[in-house]
Amino acid sequence: MSTSQLTDYVTLVSSDGFEFVVQRSAARISGALNRMLDPKNNFAEAVANRCELRDINGVVLEKVCEYLYYNERYRDAHDVPDMDIPPELCLELLMAADYLDV
């Protein structure tokens, strides 16, 4: 697959069917998504520009997407503002972060 077939956006799909369209550059912050979306690895996700995450529900995946953009925006910044994380999501977010390698 040539890089000309890569799109600037990819779709992340949660276990309950919610779809989140995010910039490829933000999605590739995740080690797991980066490997899925790398055309050299020949995964179907790289061709379809779509990653189905069957172990992550929509509420958690929404917060993960928010974090990916947060990380991209503040990667090299100083005095970074705190990201609002609801306490009831902490355990699920930790498991998603481990799964996605972020």
PDB file of N, CA and C in Angstrom:
ATOM      1  N   MET A   1       0.851  -1.182   0.000  1.00  0.00           N
ATOM      2  CA  MET A   1       0.000   0.000   0.000  1.00  0.00           C
ATOM      3  C   MET A   1       0.889   1.234   0.000  1.00  0.00           C
ATOM      4  N   SER A   2       0.645   2.144  -0.868  1.00  0.00           N
ATOM      5  CA  SER A   2       1.426   3.374  -0.911  1.00  0.00           C
ATOM      6  C   SER A   2       0.854   4.370   0.085  1.00  0.00           C
ATOM      7  N   THR A   3       1.693   5.326   0.479  1.00  0.00           N
ATOM      8  CA  THR A   3       1.238   6.321   1.443  1.00  0.00           C
ATOM      9  C   THR A   3       0.183   7.237   0.848  1.00  0.00           C
ATOM     10  N   SER A   4       0.029   7.251  -0.484  1.00  0.00           N
ATOM     11  CA  SER A   4      -0.989   8.094  -1.095  1.00  0.00           C
ATOM     12  C   SER A   4      -2.401   7.585  -0.784  1.00  0.00           C
ATOM     13  N   GLN A   5      -2.548   6.306  -0.385  1.00  0.00           N
ATOM     14  CA  GLN A   5      -3.850   5.746  -0.047  1.00  0.00           C
ATOM     15  C   GLN A   5      -4.233   6.005   1.409  1.00  0.00           C
ATOM     16  N   LEU A   6      -3.310   6.490   2.204  1.00  0.00           N
ATOM     17  CA  LEU A   6      -3.597   6.770   3.601  1.00  0.00           C
ATOM     18  C   LEU A   6      -4.429   8.042   3.703  1.00  0.00           C
ATOM     19  N   THR A   7      -5.424   8.005   4.572  1.00  0.00           N
ATOM     20  CA  THR A   7      -6.241   9.191   4.793  1.00  0.00           C
ATOM     21  C   THR A   7      -5.754   9.922   6.032  1.00  0.00           C
ATOM     22  N   ASP A   8      -6.182  11.158   6.182  1.00  0.00           N
ATOM     23  CA  ASP A   8      -5.798  11.940   7.352  1.00  0.00           C
ATOM     24  C   ASP A   8      -6.617  11.561   8.581  1.00  0.00           C
ATOM     25  N   TYR A   9      -7.720  10.840   8.377  1.00  0.00           N
ATOM     26  CA  TYR A   9      -8.611  10.471   9.481  1.00  0.00           C
ATOM     27  C   TYR A   9      -8.850   8.970   9.500  1.00  0.00           C
ATOM     28  N   VAL A  10      -9.048   8.438  10.706  1.00  0.00           N
ATOM     29  CA  VAL A  10      -9.391   7.032  10.883  1.00  0.00           C
ATOM     30  C   VAL A  10     -10.615   6.952  11.793  1.00  0.00           C
ATOM     31  N   THR A  11     -11.319   5.843  11.720  1.00  0.00           N
ATOM     32  CA  THR A  11     -12.507   5.639  12.538  1.00  0.00           C
ATOM     33  C   THR A  11     -12.204   4.584  13.593  1.00  0.00           C
ATOM     34  N   LEU A  12     -12.471   4.940  14.851  1.00  0.00           N
ATOM     35  CA  LEU A  12     -12.341   4.000  15.961  1.00  0.00           C
ATOM     36  C   LEU A  12     -13.749   3.595  16.369  1.00  0.00           C
ATOM     37  N   VAL A  13     -14.000   2.299  16.457  1.00  0.00           N
ATOM     38  CA  VAL A  13     -15.336   1.791  16.752  1.00  0.00           C
ATOM     39  C   VAL A  13     -15.308   1.074  18.096  1.00  0.00           C
ATOM     40  N   SER A  14     -16.226   1.462  18.983  1.00  0.00           N
ATOM     41  CA  SER A  14     -16.293   0.870  20.317  1.00  0.00           C
ATOM     42  C   SER A  14     -17.057  -0.445  20.302  1.00  0.00           C
ATOM     43  N   SER A  15     -17.026  -1.141  21.423  1.00  0.00           N
ATOM     44  CA  SER A  15     -17.716  -2.427  21.543  1.00  0.00           C
ATOM     45  C   SER A  15     -19.226  -2.284  21.399  1.00  0.00           C
ATOM     46  N   ASP A  16     -19.762  -1.116  21.750  1.00  0.00           N
ATOM     47  CA  ASP A  16     -21.204  -0.903  21.646  1.00  0.00           C
ATOM     48  C   ASP A  16     -21.592  -0.115  20.391  1.00  0.00           C
ATOM     49  N   GLY A  17     -20.685  -0.059  19.416  1.00  0.00           N
ATOM     50  CA  GLY A  17     -21.014   0.479  18.104  1.00  0.00           C
ATOM     51  C   GLY A  17     -20.831   1.967  17.891  1.00  0.00           C
ATOM     52  N   PHE A  18     -20.332   2.687  18.887  1.00  0.00           N
ATOM     53  CA  PHE A  18     -20.083   4.113  18.686  1.00  0.00           C
ATOM     54  C   PHE A  18     -18.835   4.288  17.829  1.00  0.00           C
ATOM     55  N   GLU A  19     -18.892   5.233  16.903  1.00  0.00           N
ATOM     56  CA  GLU A  19     -17.776   5.481  15.999  1.00  0.00           C
ATOM     57  C   GLU A  19     -17.202   6.867  16.251  1.00  0.00           C
ATOM     58  N   PHE A  20     -15.887   6.931  16.325  1.00  0.00           N
ATOM     59  CA  PHE A  20     -15.191   8.191  16.549  1.00  0.00           C
ATOM     60  C   PHE A  20     -14.194   8.384  15.416  1.00  0.00           C
ATOM     61  N   VAL A  21     -14.337   9.471  14.690  1.00  0.00           N
ATOM     62  CA  VAL A  21     -13.421   9.787  13.605  1.00  0.00           C
ATOM     63  C   VAL A  21     -12.364  10.724  14.173  1.00  0.00           C
ATOM     64  N   VAL A  22     -11.112  10.273  14.133  1.00  0.00           N
ATOM     65  CA  VAL A  22     -10.008  11.046  14.705  1.00  0.00           C
ATOM     66  C   VAL A  22      -8.902  11.192  13.674  1.00  0.00           C
ATOM     67  N   GLN A  23      -8.077  12.187  13.881  1.00  0.00           N
ATOM     68  CA  GLN A  23      -6.938  12.374  12.979  1.00  0.00           C
ATOM     69  C   GLN A  23      -5.979  11.202  13.150  1.00  0.00           C
ATOM     70  N   ARG A  24      -5.454  10.754  12.036  1.00  0.00           N
ATOM     71  CA  ARG A  24      -4.502   9.635  12.051  1.00  0.00           C
ATOM     72  C   ARG A  24      -3.308   9.951  12.961  1.00  0.00           C
ATOM     73  N   SER A  25      -2.827  11.178  12.916  1.00  0.00           N
ATOM     74  CA  SER A  25      -1.668  11.546  13.737  1.00  0.00           C
ATOM     75  C   SER A  25      -1.968  11.385  15.226  1.00  0.00           C
ATOM     76  N   ALA A  26      -3.183  11.705  15.646  1.00  0.00           N
ATOM     77  CA  ALA A  26      -3.561  11.536  17.058  1.00  0.00           C
ATOM     78  C   ALA A  26      -3.707  10.057  17.392  1.00  0.00           C
ATOM     79  N   ALA A  27      -4.340   9.295  16.527  1.00  0.00           N
ATOM     80  CA  ALA A  27      -4.543   7.863  16.778  1.00  0.00           C
ATOM     81  C   ALA A  27      -3.213   7.127  16.894  1.00  0.00           C
ATOM     82  N   ARG A  28      -2.219   7.566  16.143  1.00  0.00           N
ATOM     83  CA  ARG A  28      -0.930   6.869  16.136  1.00  0.00           C
ATOM     84  C   ARG A  28      -0.104   7.127  17.376  1.00  0.00           C
ATOM     85  N   ILE A  29      -0.608   7.960  18.293  1.00  0.00           N
ATOM     86  CA  ILE A  29       0.041   8.123  19.599  1.00  0.00           C
ATOM     87  C   ILE A  29      -0.036   6.800  20.358  1.00  0.00           C
ATOM     88  N   SER A  30      -1.111   6.067  20.143  1.00  0.00           N
ATOM     89  CA  SER A  30      -1.290   4.748  20.751  1.00  0.00           C
ATOM     90  C   SER A  30      -0.405   3.740  20.032  1.00  0.00           C
ATOM     91  N   GLY A  31       0.387   3.001  20.793  1.00  0.00           N
ATOM     92  CA  GLY A  31       1.246   1.988  20.179  1.00  0.00           C
ATOM     93  C   GLY A  31       0.453   0.929  19.430  1.00  0.00           C
ATOM     94  N   ALA A  32      -0.655   0.471  20.023  1.00  0.00           N
ATOM     95  CA  ALA A  32      -1.473  -0.564  19.388  1.00  0.00           C
ATOM     96  C   ALA A  32      -2.116  -0.041  18.107  1.00  0.00           C
ATOM     97  N   LEU A  33      -2.690   1.156  18.162  1.00  0.00           N
ATOM     98  CA  LEU A  33      -3.311   1.729  16.964  1.00  0.00           C
ATOM     99  C   LEU A  33      -2.263   2.036  15.907  1.00  0.00           C
ATOM    100  N   ASN A  34      -1.096   2.480  16.341  1.00  0.00           N
ATOM    101  CA  ASN A  34      -0.015   2.764  15.405  1.00  0.00           C
ATOM    102  C   ASN A  34       0.362   1.503  14.622  1.00  0.00           C
ATOM    103  N   ARG A  35       0.469   0.366  15.338  1.00  0.00           N
ATOM    104  CA  ARG A  35       0.798  -0.885  14.655  1.00  0.00           C
ATOM    105  C   ARG A  35      -0.327  -1.314  13.710  1.00  0.00           C
ATOM    106  N   MET A  36      -1.578  -1.134  14.143  1.00  0.00           N
ATOM    107  CA  MET A  36      -2.722  -1.508  13.295  1.00  0.00           C
ATOM    108  C   MET A  36      -2.774  -0.667  12.025  1.00  0.00           C
ATOM    109  N   LEU A  37      -2.446   0.620  12.145  1.00  0.00           N
ATOM    110  CA  LEU A  37      -2.609   1.561  11.036  1.00  0.00           C
ATOM    111  C   LEU A  37      -1.370   1.696  10.157  1.00  0.00           C
ATOM    112  N   ASP A  38      -0.285   1.046  10.533  1.00  0.00           N
ATOM    113  CA  ASP A  38       0.944   1.113   9.749  1.00  0.00           C
ATOM    114  C   ASP A  38       0.805   0.209   8.516  1.00  0.00           C
ATOM    115  N   PRO A  39       0.861   0.771   7.317  1.00  0.00           N
ATOM    116  CA  PRO A  39       0.675  -0.034   6.108  1.00  0.00           C
ATOM    117  C   PRO A  39       1.724  -1.130   5.939  1.00  0.00           C
ATOM    118  N   LYS A  40       2.884  -0.979   6.563  1.00  0.00           N
ATOM    119  CA  LYS A  40       3.939  -1.988   6.457  1.00  0.00           C
ATOM    120  C   LYS A  40       3.550  -3.290   7.157  1.00  0.00           C
ATOM    121  N   ASN A  41       2.626  -3.210   8.118  1.00  0.00           N
ATOM    122  CA  ASN A  41       2.226  -4.401   8.873  1.00  0.00           C
ATOM    123  C   ASN A  41       1.129  -5.208   8.189  1.00  0.00           C
ATOM    124  N   ASN A  42       0.566  -4.683   7.116  1.00  0.00           N
ATOM    125  CA  ASN A  42      -0.455  -5.377   6.321  1.00  0.00           C
ATOM    126  C   ASN A  42      -1.699  -5.785   7.108  1.00  0.00           C
ATOM    127  N   PHE A  43      -2.098  -4.994   8.090  1.00  0.00           N
ATOM    128  CA  PHE A  43      -3.341  -5.250   8.806  1.00  0.00           C
ATOM    129  C   PHE A  43      -4.504  -4.661   8.013  1.00  0.00           C
ATOM    130  N   ALA A  44      -5.658  -5.274   8.121  1.00  0.00           N
ATOM    131  CA  ALA A  44      -6.853  -4.789   7.418  1.00  0.00           C
ATOM    132  C   ALA A  44      -7.216  -3.377   7.875  1.00  0.00           C
ATOM    133  N   GLU A  45      -6.920  -3.042   9.117  1.00  0.00           N
ATOM    134  CA  GLU A  45      -7.235  -1.712   9.646  1.00  0.00           C
ATOM    135  C   GLU A  45      -6.520  -0.611   8.864  1.00  0.00           C
ATOM    136  N   ALA A  46      -5.306  -0.885   8.406  1.00  0.00           N
ATOM    137  CA  ALA A  46      -4.554   0.111   7.644  1.00  0.00           C
ATOM    138  C   ALA A  46      -5.216   0.390   6.300  1.00  0.00           C
ATOM    139  N   VAL A  47      -5.796  -0.631   5.701  1.00  0.00           N
ATOM    140  CA  VAL A  47      -6.462  -0.475   4.411  1.00  0.00           C
ATOM    141  C   VAL A  47      -7.824   0.190   4.582  1.00  0.00           C
ATOM    142  N   ALA A  48      -8.577  -0.247   5.599  1.00  0.00           N
ATOM    143  CA  ALA A  48      -9.937   0.254   5.809  1.00  0.00           C
ATOM    144  C   ALA A  48      -9.975   1.577   6.560  1.00  0.00           C
ATOM    145  N   ASN A  49      -8.851   1.967   7.179  1.00  0.00           N
ATOM    146  CA  ASN A  49      -8.802   3.174   8.013  1.00  0.00           C
ATOM    147  C   ASN A  49      -9.861   3.113   9.116  1.00  0.00           C
ATOM    148  N   ARG A  50     -10.026   1.921   9.680  1.00  0.00           N
ATOM    149  CA  ARG A  50     -11.070   1.677  10.673  1.00  0.00           C
ATOM    150  C   ARG A  50     -10.565   0.623  11.654  1.00  0.00           C
ATOM    151  N   CYS A  51     -10.620   0.953  12.947  1.00  0.00           N
ATOM    152  CA  CYS A  51     -10.186   0.021  13.991  1.00  0.00           C
ATOM    153  C   CYS A  51     -11.367  -0.302  14.895  1.00  0.00           C
ATOM    154  N   GLU A  52     -11.714  -1.563  14.977  1.00  0.00           N
ATOM    155  CA  GLU A  52     -12.799  -1.992  15.847  1.00  0.00           C
ATOM    156  C   GLU A  52     -12.187  -2.466  17.159  1.00  0.00           C
ATOM    157  N   LEU A  53     -12.568  -1.794  18.227  1.00  0.00           N
ATOM    158  CA  LEU A  53     -12.011  -2.075  19.550  1.00  0.00           C
ATOM    159  C   LEU A  53     -13.088  -2.743  20.400  1.00  0.00           C
ATOM    160  N   ARG A  54     -13.169  -4.044  20.302  1.00  0.00           N
ATOM    161  CA  ARG A  54     -14.264  -4.805  20.916  1.00  0.00           C
ATOM    162  C   ARG A  54     -14.192  -4.868  22.432  1.00  0.00           C
ATOM    163  N   ASP A  55     -13.063  -4.469  23.019  1.00  0.00           N
ATOM    164  CA  ASP A  55     -12.925  -4.522  24.469  1.00  0.00           C
ATOM    165  C   ASP A  55     -13.125  -3.166  25.143  1.00  0.00           C
ATOM    166  N   ILE A  56     -13.456  -2.141  24.367  1.00  0.00           N
ATOM    167  CA  ILE A  56     -13.588  -0.788  24.926  1.00  0.00           C
ATOM    168  C   ILE A  56     -14.966  -0.238  24.577  1.00  0.00           C
ATOM    169  N   ASN A  57     -15.719   0.183  25.612  1.00  0.00           N
ATOM    170  CA  ASN A  57     -17.065   0.721  25.351  1.00  0.00           C
ATOM    171  C   ASN A  57     -16.988   2.179  24.898  1.00  0.00           C
ATOM    172  N   GLY A  58     -18.102   2.700  24.443  1.00  0.00           N
ATOM    173  CA  GLY A  58     -18.162   4.035  23.855  1.00  0.00           C
ATOM    174  C   GLY A  58     -17.776   5.158  24.793  1.00  0.00           C
ATOM    175  N   VAL A  59     -18.203   5.079  26.051  1.00  0.00           N
ATOM    176  CA  VAL A  59     -17.893   6.136  27.022  1.00  0.00           C
ATOM    177  C   VAL A  59     -16.387   6.208  27.247  1.00  0.00           C
ATOM    178  N   VAL A  60     -15.762   5.052  27.391  1.00  0.00           N
ATOM    179  CA  VAL A  60     -14.317   5.004  27.618  1.00  0.00           C
ATOM    180  C   VAL A  60     -13.561   5.410  26.355  1.00  0.00           C
ATOM    181  N   LEU A  61     -14.000   4.926  25.207  1.00  0.00           N
ATOM    182  CA  LEU A  61     -13.314   5.272  23.954  1.00  0.00           C
ATOM    183  C   LEU A  61     -13.408   6.764  23.664  1.00  0.00           C
ATOM    184  N   GLU A  62     -14.508   7.388  24.030  1.00  0.00           N
ATOM    185  CA  GLU A  62     -14.628   8.839  23.854  1.00  0.00           C
ATOM    186  C   GLU A  62     -13.554   9.555  24.670  1.00  0.00           C
ATOM    187  N   LYS A  63     -13.337   9.108  25.908  1.00  0.00           N
ATOM    188  CA  LYS A  63     -12.320   9.726  26.765  1.00  0.00           C
ATOM    189  C   LYS A  63     -10.920   9.423  26.235  1.00  0.00           C
ATOM    190  N   VAL A  64     -10.726   8.234  25.678  1.00  0.00           N
ATOM    191  CA  VAL A  64      -9.441   7.888  25.068  1.00  0.00           C
ATOM    192  C   VAL A  64      -9.151   8.823  23.890  1.00  0.00           C
ATOM    193  N   CYS A  65     -10.147   9.059  23.048  1.00  0.00           N
ATOM    194  CA  CYS A  65      -9.975   9.971  21.909  1.00  0.00           C
ATOM    195  C   CYS A  65      -9.643  11.379  22.390  1.00  0.00           C
ATOM    196  N   GLU A  66     -10.328  11.801  23.445  1.00  0.00           N
ATOM    197  CA  GLU A  66     -10.038  13.116  24.025  1.00  0.00           C
ATOM    198  C   GLU A  66      -8.586  13.171  24.488  1.00  0.00           C
ATOM    199  N   TYR A  67      -8.115  12.093  25.119  1.00  0.00           N
ATOM    200  CA  TYR A  67      -6.731  12.047  25.579  1.00  0.00           C
ATOM    201  C   TYR A  67      -5.745  12.078  24.411  1.00  0.00           C
ATOM    202  N   LEU A  68      -6.044  11.376  23.324  1.00  0.00           N
ATOM    203  CA  LEU A  68      -5.133  11.358  22.181  1.00  0.00           C
ATOM    204  C   LEU A  68      -4.908  12.768  21.644  1.00  0.00           C
ATOM    205  N   TYR A  69      -5.980  13.546  21.541  1.00  0.00           N
ATOM    206  CA  TYR A  69      -5.849  14.945  21.102  1.00  0.00           C
ATOM    207  C   TYR A  69      -5.142  15.793  22.154  1.00  0.00           C
ATOM    208  N   TYR A  70      -5.448  15.538  23.413  1.00  0.00           N
ATOM    209  CA  TYR A  70      -4.805  16.251  24.524  1.00  0.00           C
ATOM    210  C   TYR A  70      -3.301  16.013  24.477  1.00  0.00           C
ATOM    211  N   ASN A  71      -2.904  14.756  24.301  1.00  0.00           N
ATOM    212  CA  ASN A  71      -1.496  14.406  24.239  1.00  0.00           C
ATOM    213  C   ASN A  71      -0.820  15.066  23.047  1.00  0.00           C
ATOM    214  N   GLU A  72      -1.481  15.039  21.902  1.00  0.00           N
ATOM    215  CA  GLU A  72      -0.904  15.641  20.700  1.00  0.00           C
ATOM    216  C   GLU A  72      -0.720  17.154  20.875  1.00  0.00           C
ATOM    217  N   ARG A  73      -1.697  17.778  21.495  1.00  0.00           N
ATOM    218  CA  ARG A  73      -1.650  19.230  21.668  1.00  0.00           C
ATOM    219  C   ARG A  73      -0.592  19.672  22.678  1.00  0.00           C
ATOM    220  N   TYR A  74      -0.463  18.951  23.776  1.00  0.00           N
ATOM    221  CA  TYR A  74       0.418  19.381  24.866  1.00  0.00           C
ATOM    222  C   TYR A  74       1.707  18.572  24.973  1.00  0.00           C
ATOM    223  N   ARG A  75       2.053  17.822  23.964  1.00  0.00           N
ATOM    224  CA  ARG A  75       3.207  16.920  24.023  1.00  0.00           C
ATOM    225  C   ARG A  75       4.471  17.618  24.513  1.00  0.00           C
ATOM    226  N   ASP A  76       4.817  18.758  23.959  1.00  0.00           N
ATOM    227  CA  ASP A  76       6.061  19.440  24.304  1.00  0.00           C
ATOM    228  C   ASP A  76       5.837  20.720  25.109  1.00  0.00           C
ATOM    229  N   ALA A  77       4.649  20.879  25.666  1.00  0.00           N
ATOM    230  CA  ALA A  77       4.299  22.109  26.377  1.00  0.00           C
ATOM    231  C   ALA A  77       4.703  22.039  27.852  1.00  0.00           C
ATOM    232  N   HIS A  78       4.823  23.220  28.428  1.00  0.00           N
ATOM    233  CA  HIS A  78       5.047  23.353  29.867  1.00  0.00           C
ATOM    234  C   HIS A  78       3.758  23.882  30.481  1.00  0.00           C
ATOM    235  N   ASP A  79       3.568  23.667  31.756  1.00  0.00           N
ATOM    236  CA  ASP A  79       2.358  24.122  32.453  1.00  0.00           C
ATOM    237  C   ASP A  79       1.098  23.584  31.775  1.00  0.00           C
ATOM    238  N   VAL A  80       1.055  22.295  31.608  1.00  0.00           N
ATOM    239  CA  VAL A  80      -0.067  21.624  30.946  1.00  0.00           C
ATOM    240  C   VAL A  80      -1.262  21.573  31.897  1.00  0.00           C
ATOM    241  N   PRO A  81      -2.446  21.966  31.424  1.00  0.00           N
ATOM    242  CA  PRO A  81      -3.629  21.893  32.289  1.00  0.00           C
ATOM    243  C   PRO A  81      -4.025  20.430  32.537  1.00  0.00           C
ATOM    244  N   ASP A  82      -4.642  20.204  33.686  1.00  0.00           N
ATOM    245  CA  ASP A  82      -5.109  18.858  34.008  1.00  0.00           C
ATOM    246  C   ASP A  82      -6.246  18.471  33.078  1.00  0.00           C
ATOM    247  N   MET A  83      -6.301  17.195  32.770  1.00  0.00           N
ATOM    248  CA  MET A  83      -7.395  16.666  31.976  1.00  0.00           C
ATOM    249  C   MET A  83      -8.453  16.160  32.947  1.00  0.00           C
ATOM    250  N   ASP A  84      -9.701  16.514  32.694  1.00  0.00           N
ATOM    251  CA  ASP A  84     -10.790  16.102  33.575  1.00  0.00           C
ATOM    252  C   ASP A  84     -11.131  14.633  33.332  1.00  0.00           C
ATOM    253  N   ILE A  85     -10.938  13.820  34.371  1.00  0.00           N
ATOM    254  CA  ILE A  85     -11.246  12.395  34.278  1.00  0.00           C
ATOM    255  C   ILE A  85     -12.210  12.036  35.398  1.00  0.00           C
ATOM    256  N   PRO A  86     -13.416  11.620  35.046  1.00  0.00           N
ATOM    257  CA  PRO A  86     -14.383  11.221  36.071  1.00  0.00           C
ATOM    258  C   PRO A  86     -13.862  10.012  36.859  1.00  0.00           C
ATOM    259  N   PRO A  87     -13.936  10.055  38.176  1.00  0.00           N
ATOM    260  CA  PRO A  87     -13.418   8.950  39.001  1.00  0.00           C
ATOM    261  C   PRO A  87     -14.015   7.583  38.646  1.00  0.00           C
ATOM    262  N   GLU A  88     -15.277   7.573  38.232  1.00  0.00           N
ATOM    263  CA  GLU A  88     -15.917   6.292  37.927  1.00  0.00           C
ATOM    264  C   GLU A  88     -15.361   5.637  36.657  1.00  0.00           C
ATOM    265  N   LEU A  89     -14.583   6.384  35.868  1.00  0.00           N
ATOM    266  CA  LEU A  89     -13.987   5.830  34.648  1.00  0.00           C
ATOM    267  C   LEU A  89     -12.527   5.426  34.821  1.00  0.00           C
ATOM    268  N   CYS A  90     -11.936   5.746  35.958  1.00  0.00           N
ATOM    269  CA  CYS A  90     -10.492   5.554  36.128  1.00  0.00           C
ATOM    270  C   CYS A  90     -10.024   4.128  35.852  1.00  0.00           C
ATOM    271  N   LEU A  91     -10.673   3.144  36.436  1.00  0.00           N
ATOM    272  CA  LEU A  91     -10.234   1.767  36.252  1.00  0.00           C
ATOM    273  C   LEU A  91     -10.355   1.338  34.786  1.00  0.00           C
ATOM    274  N   GLU A  92     -11.487   1.642  34.167  1.00  0.00           N
ATOM    275  CA  GLU A  92     -11.678   1.273  32.755  1.00  0.00           C
ATOM    276  C   GLU A  92     -10.695   2.008  31.849  1.00  0.00           C
ATOM    277  N   LEU A  93     -10.386   3.271  32.177  1.00  0.00           N
ATOM    278  CA  LEU A  93      -9.413   4.025  31.382  1.00  0.00           C
ATOM    279  C   LEU A  93      -8.008   3.442  31.523  1.00  0.00           C
ATOM    280  N   LEU A  94      -7.664   3.015  32.720  1.00  0.00           N
ATOM    281  CA  LEU A  94      -6.358   2.388  32.917  1.00  0.00           C
ATOM    282  C   LEU A  94      -6.248   1.106  32.099  1.00  0.00           C
ATOM    283  N   MET A  95      -7.307   0.308  32.080  1.00  0.00           N
ATOM    284  CA  MET A  95      -7.293  -0.930  31.301  1.00  0.00           C
ATOM    285  C   MET A  95      -7.224  -0.626  29.807  1.00  0.00           C
ATOM    286  N   ALA A  96      -7.953   0.391  29.348  1.00  0.00           N
ATOM    287  CA  ALA A  96      -7.913   0.784  27.928  1.00  0.00           C
ATOM    288  C   ALA A  96      -6.530   1.319  27.568  1.00  0.00           C
ATOM    289  N   ALA A  97      -5.933   2.116  28.457  1.00  0.00           N
ATOM    290  CA  ALA A  97      -4.608   2.667  28.190  1.00  0.00           C
ATOM    291  C   ALA A  97      -3.580   1.556  28.072  1.00  0.00           C
ATOM    292  N   ASP A  98      -3.697   0.544  28.929  1.00  0.00           N
ATOM    293  CA  ASP A  98      -2.782  -0.592  28.859  1.00  0.00           C
ATOM    294  C   ASP A  98      -2.992  -1.349  27.546  1.00  0.00           C
ATOM    295  N   TYR A  99      -4.223  -1.611  27.201  1.00  0.00           N
ATOM    296  CA  TYR A  99      -4.570  -2.334  25.969  1.00  0.00           C
ATOM    297  C   TYR A  99      -4.071  -1.584  24.731  1.00  0.00           C
ATOM    298  N   LEU A 100      -4.229  -0.265  24.728  1.00  0.00           N
ATOM    299  CA  LEU A 100      -3.868   0.549  23.566  1.00  0.00           C
ATOM    300  C   LEU A 100      -2.419   1.020  23.584  1.00  0.00           C
ATOM    301  N   ASP A 101      -1.724   0.757  24.690  1.00  0.00           N
ATOM    302  CA  ASP A 101      -0.318   1.150  24.809  1.00  0.00           C
ATOM    303  C   ASP A 101      -0.151   2.671  24.661  1.00  0.00           C
ATOM    304  N   VAL A 102      -0.857   3.389  25.531  1.00  0.00           N
ATOM    305  CA  VAL A 102      -0.688   4.857  25.569  1.00  0.00           C
ATOM    306  C   VAL A 102      -0.189   5.287  26.934  1.00  0.00           C
TER     307      VAL A 102
END
